[in-house]
Amino acid sequence: MELFRAEKKKSLRAYSLLFMYSALGDLDEAFRNLTRAAEIHSWPIHVKYHPLFSKLRKDPRFQEFCRMVGLPPSLGEPRG
């Protein structure tokens, strides 16, 4: 149970920092935390479509992230 709590805490921290740095426009730190979240298998799926993350999706590093986690790169930006 303690291990689960520790992992949940890491996941929440990575997501919180991803959200904060994205909102501030600091893409380097946002990508660092997105990668950290992926490494612990806890990246937020809504990064693909939430408006807050639109700058991340436009960055070439997002395509690399998609490849890293096994998503088709075309899913990076919503259609419509």
N, C-alpha and C. Protein backbone atom coordinates (compact mmCIF):
# COMPACT_ATOMS: atom_id res chain seq x y z
N MET A 1 0.82 -1.19 0.00
CA MET A 1 0.00 0.00 0.00
C MET A 1 0.87 1.26 0.00
N GLU A 2 1.96 1.21 0.72
CA GLU A 2 2.86 2.37 0.78
C GLU A 2 3.49 2.65 -0.58
N LEU A 3 3.86 1.59 -1.31
CA LEU A 3 4.42 1.75 -2.64
C LEU A 3 3.41 2.40 -3.58
N PHE A 4 2.16 1.98 -3.49
CA PHE A 4 1.10 2.56 -4.30
C PHE A 4 0.96 4.05 -4.02
N ARG A 5 0.99 4.43 -2.77
CA ARG A 5 0.88 5.85 -2.40
C ARG A 5 2.06 6.65 -2.95
N ALA A 6 3.24 6.09 -2.88
CA ALA A 6 4.43 6.78 -3.37
C ALA A 6 4.34 6.98 -4.89
N GLU A 7 3.89 5.96 -5.60
CA GLU A 7 3.74 6.07 -7.06
C GLU A 7 2.65 7.08 -7.41
N LYS A 8 1.57 7.07 -6.68
CA LYS A 8 0.48 8.01 -6.93
C LYS A 8 0.96 9.44 -6.70
N LYS A 9 1.77 9.63 -5.68
CA LYS A 9 2.31 10.95 -5.37
C LYS A 9 3.24 11.43 -6.50
N LYS A 10 4.09 10.54 -7.03
CA LYS A 10 4.97 10.88 -8.16
C LYS A 10 4.15 11.28 -9.37
N SER A 11 3.10 10.52 -9.63
CA SER A 11 2.24 10.77 -10.77
C SER A 11 1.56 12.13 -10.65
N LEU A 12 1.03 12.42 -9.50
CA LEU A 12 0.35 13.69 -9.27
C LEU A 12 1.32 14.85 -9.39
N ARG A 13 2.52 14.68 -8.87
CA ARG A 13 3.53 15.74 -8.96
C ARG A 13 3.90 16.01 -10.41
N ALA A 14 4.17 14.97 -11.19
CA ALA A 14 4.54 15.15 -12.59
C ALA A 14 3.41 15.84 -13.36
N TYR A 15 2.16 15.41 -13.11
CA TYR A 15 1.04 16.02 -13.80
C TYR A 15 0.86 17.47 -13.38
N SER A 16 0.97 17.75 -12.11
CA SER A 16 0.81 19.13 -11.62
C SER A 16 1.85 20.05 -12.25
N LEU A 17 3.09 19.58 -12.31
CA LEU A 17 4.15 20.39 -12.91
C LEU A 17 3.94 20.53 -14.42
N LEU A 18 3.50 19.47 -15.08
CA LEU A 18 3.19 19.54 -16.50
C LEU A 18 2.13 20.60 -16.75
N PHE A 19 1.07 20.56 -15.97
CA PHE A 19 -0.03 21.52 -16.10
C PHE A 19 0.46 22.94 -15.87
N MET A 20 1.22 23.15 -14.78
CA MET A 20 1.70 24.47 -14.41
C MET A 20 2.63 25.05 -15.48
N TYR A 21 3.63 24.26 -15.90
CA TYR A 21 4.58 24.76 -16.88
C TYR A 21 3.93 24.98 -18.24
N SER A 22 2.96 24.18 -18.59
CA SER A 22 2.23 24.40 -19.84
C SER A 22 1.48 25.72 -19.79
N ALA A 23 0.83 25.96 -18.67
CA ALA A 23 0.08 27.21 -18.50
C ALA A 23 1.00 28.43 -18.55
N LEU A 24 2.21 28.27 -18.03
CA LEU A 24 3.17 29.37 -18.04
C LEU A 24 3.89 29.52 -19.38
N GLY A 25 3.73 28.54 -20.25
CA GLY A 25 4.40 28.58 -21.54
C GLY A 25 5.84 28.12 -21.52
N ASP A 26 6.26 27.47 -20.44
CA ASP A 26 7.63 26.95 -20.33
C ASP A 26 7.63 25.52 -20.88
N LEU A 27 7.80 25.41 -22.20
CA LEU A 27 7.67 24.11 -22.84
C LEU A 27 8.79 23.15 -22.48
N ASP A 28 9.99 23.66 -22.23
CA ASP A 28 11.08 22.77 -21.84
C ASP A 28 10.74 22.02 -20.55
N GLU A 29 10.28 22.75 -19.55
CA GLU A 29 9.91 22.11 -18.28
C GLU A 29 8.64 21.27 -18.44
N ALA A 30 7.72 21.72 -19.26
CA ALA A 30 6.50 20.94 -19.50
C ALA A 30 6.86 19.58 -20.11
N PHE A 31 7.74 19.59 -21.12
CA PHE A 31 8.14 18.32 -21.74
C PHE A 31 8.95 17.46 -20.78
N ARG A 32 9.73 18.07 -19.95
CA ARG A 32 10.48 17.30 -18.96
C ARG A 32 9.52 16.53 -18.05
N ASN A 33 8.44 17.19 -17.63
CA ASN A 33 7.47 16.54 -16.75
C ASN A 33 6.55 15.59 -17.49
N LEU A 34 6.27 15.86 -18.76
CA LEU A 34 5.50 14.91 -19.56
C LEU A 34 6.29 13.62 -19.73
N THR A 35 7.58 13.75 -19.98
CA THR A 35 8.44 12.57 -20.11
C THR A 35 8.54 11.83 -18.80
N ARG A 36 8.65 12.56 -17.71
CA ARG A 36 8.71 11.94 -16.38
C ARG A 36 7.44 11.15 -16.11
N ALA A 37 6.30 11.73 -16.47
CA ALA A 37 5.02 11.04 -16.27
C ALA A 37 4.97 9.76 -17.12
N ALA A 38 5.46 9.83 -18.34
CA ALA A 38 5.47 8.65 -19.21
C ALA A 38 6.38 7.56 -18.65
N GLU A 39 7.49 7.96 -18.06
CA GLU A 39 8.43 6.98 -17.49
C GLU A 39 7.81 6.19 -16.34
N ILE A 40 6.88 6.81 -15.63
CA ILE A 40 6.21 6.09 -14.54
C ILE A 40 4.84 5.58 -15.00
N HIS A 41 4.64 5.59 -16.32
CA HIS A 41 3.41 5.06 -16.93
C HIS A 41 2.16 5.76 -16.41
N SER A 42 2.26 7.09 -16.32
CA SER A 42 1.14 7.83 -15.77
C SER A 42 0.94 9.17 -16.47
N TRP A 43 1.13 9.21 -17.78
CA TRP A 43 0.92 10.48 -18.48
C TRP A 43 -0.56 10.68 -18.74
N PRO A 44 -1.02 11.92 -18.73
CA PRO A 44 -2.44 12.20 -18.90
C PRO A 44 -2.87 12.08 -20.37
N ILE A 45 -3.82 11.22 -20.65
CA ILE A 45 -4.28 10.98 -22.01
C ILE A 45 -4.86 12.25 -22.62
N HIS A 46 -5.43 13.11 -21.82
CA HIS A 46 -6.06 14.31 -22.38
C HIS A 46 -5.05 15.35 -22.87
N VAL A 47 -3.76 15.06 -22.73
CA VAL A 47 -2.74 15.95 -23.30
C VAL A 47 -2.92 16.02 -24.82
N LYS A 48 -3.59 15.01 -25.40
CA LYS A 48 -3.82 14.96 -26.83
C LYS A 48 -4.87 15.97 -27.29
N TYR A 49 -5.77 16.39 -26.41
CA TYR A 49 -6.86 17.24 -26.87
C TYR A 49 -7.20 18.43 -25.99
N HIS A 50 -6.70 18.50 -24.77
CA HIS A 50 -7.03 19.63 -23.88
C HIS A 50 -6.40 20.91 -24.44
N PRO A 51 -7.17 21.99 -24.52
CA PRO A 51 -6.65 23.25 -25.07
C PRO A 51 -5.38 23.77 -24.37
N LEU A 52 -5.26 23.51 -23.10
CA LEU A 52 -4.08 23.98 -22.38
C LEU A 52 -2.79 23.43 -22.98
N PHE A 53 -2.85 22.26 -23.55
CA PHE A 53 -1.65 21.61 -24.07
C PHE A 53 -1.45 21.83 -25.57
N SER A 54 -2.16 22.77 -26.17
CA SER A 54 -2.05 22.97 -27.62
C SER A 54 -0.63 23.39 -28.04
N LYS A 55 0.04 24.18 -27.24
CA LYS A 55 1.43 24.56 -27.58
C LYS A 55 2.35 23.34 -27.55
N LEU A 56 2.10 22.43 -26.61
CA LEU A 56 2.90 21.21 -26.57
C LEU A 56 2.71 20.40 -27.85
N ARG A 57 1.46 20.28 -28.28
CA ARG A 57 1.16 19.47 -29.46
C ARG A 57 1.78 20.05 -30.73
N LYS A 58 1.98 21.35 -30.77
CA LYS A 58 2.58 22.00 -31.94
C LYS A 58 4.10 21.89 -31.95
N ASP A 59 4.68 21.54 -30.83
CA ASP A 59 6.13 21.42 -30.72
C ASP A 59 6.57 20.08 -31.31
N PRO A 60 7.67 20.04 -32.07
CA PRO A 60 8.14 18.77 -32.65
C PRO A 60 8.43 17.69 -31.59
N ARG A 61 8.72 18.09 -30.38
CA ARG A 61 8.97 17.10 -29.33
C ARG A 61 7.73 16.30 -29.00
N PHE A 62 6.55 16.85 -29.30
CA PHE A 62 5.32 16.09 -29.02
C PHE A 62 5.23 14.87 -29.93
N GLN A 63 5.66 15.03 -31.17
CA GLN A 63 5.67 13.88 -32.09
C GLN A 63 6.59 12.79 -31.55
N GLU A 64 7.73 13.20 -31.02
CA GLU A 64 8.66 12.24 -30.42
C GLU A 64 8.02 11.57 -29.20
N PHE A 65 7.31 12.35 -28.40
CA PHE A 65 6.61 11.80 -27.25
C PHE A 65 5.59 10.75 -27.70
N CYS A 66 4.84 11.07 -28.75
CA CYS A 66 3.84 10.12 -29.27
C CYS A 66 4.51 8.81 -29.65
N ARG A 67 5.64 8.90 -30.33
CA ARG A 67 6.36 7.68 -30.71
C ARG A 67 6.81 6.91 -29.46
N MET A 68 7.28 7.65 -28.46
CA MET A 68 7.79 7.03 -27.24
C MET A 68 6.72 6.22 -26.51
N VAL A 69 5.48 6.76 -26.49
CA VAL A 69 4.41 6.08 -25.75
C VAL A 69 3.54 5.21 -26.65
N GLY A 70 3.88 5.17 -27.95
CA GLY A 70 3.16 4.28 -28.86
C GLY A 70 1.88 4.84 -29.45
N LEU A 71 1.76 6.15 -29.51
CA LEU A 71 0.60 6.77 -30.14
C LEU A 71 0.92 7.18 -31.56
N PRO A 72 -0.04 7.08 -32.46
CA PRO A 72 0.20 7.62 -33.80
C PRO A 72 0.38 9.14 -33.69
N PRO A 73 1.41 9.70 -34.30
CA PRO A 73 1.64 11.15 -34.20
C PRO A 73 0.46 11.98 -34.68
N SER A 74 -0.35 11.46 -35.58
CA SER A 74 -1.49 12.22 -36.09
C SER A 74 -2.54 12.50 -35.01
N LEU A 75 -2.46 11.80 -33.90
CA LEU A 75 -3.42 12.05 -32.82
C LEU A 75 -3.05 13.27 -31.99
N GLY A 76 -1.98 13.94 -32.35
CA GLY A 76 -1.50 15.06 -31.56
C GLY A 76 -2.41 16.28 -31.54
N GLU A 77 -3.17 16.53 -32.59
CA GLU A 77 -4.01 17.72 -32.63
C GLU A 77 -5.42 17.31 -33.00
N PRO A 78 -6.39 17.78 -32.23
CA PRO A 78 -7.78 17.38 -32.52
C PRO A 78 -8.24 17.93 -33.87
N ARG A 79 -9.19 17.28 -34.47
CA ARG A 79 -9.75 17.72 -35.74
C ARG A 79 -11.09 18.38 -35.50
N GLY A 80 -11.46 19.23 -36.44
CA GLY A 80 -12.80 19.80 -36.38
C GLY A 80 -12.76 21.20 -36.21
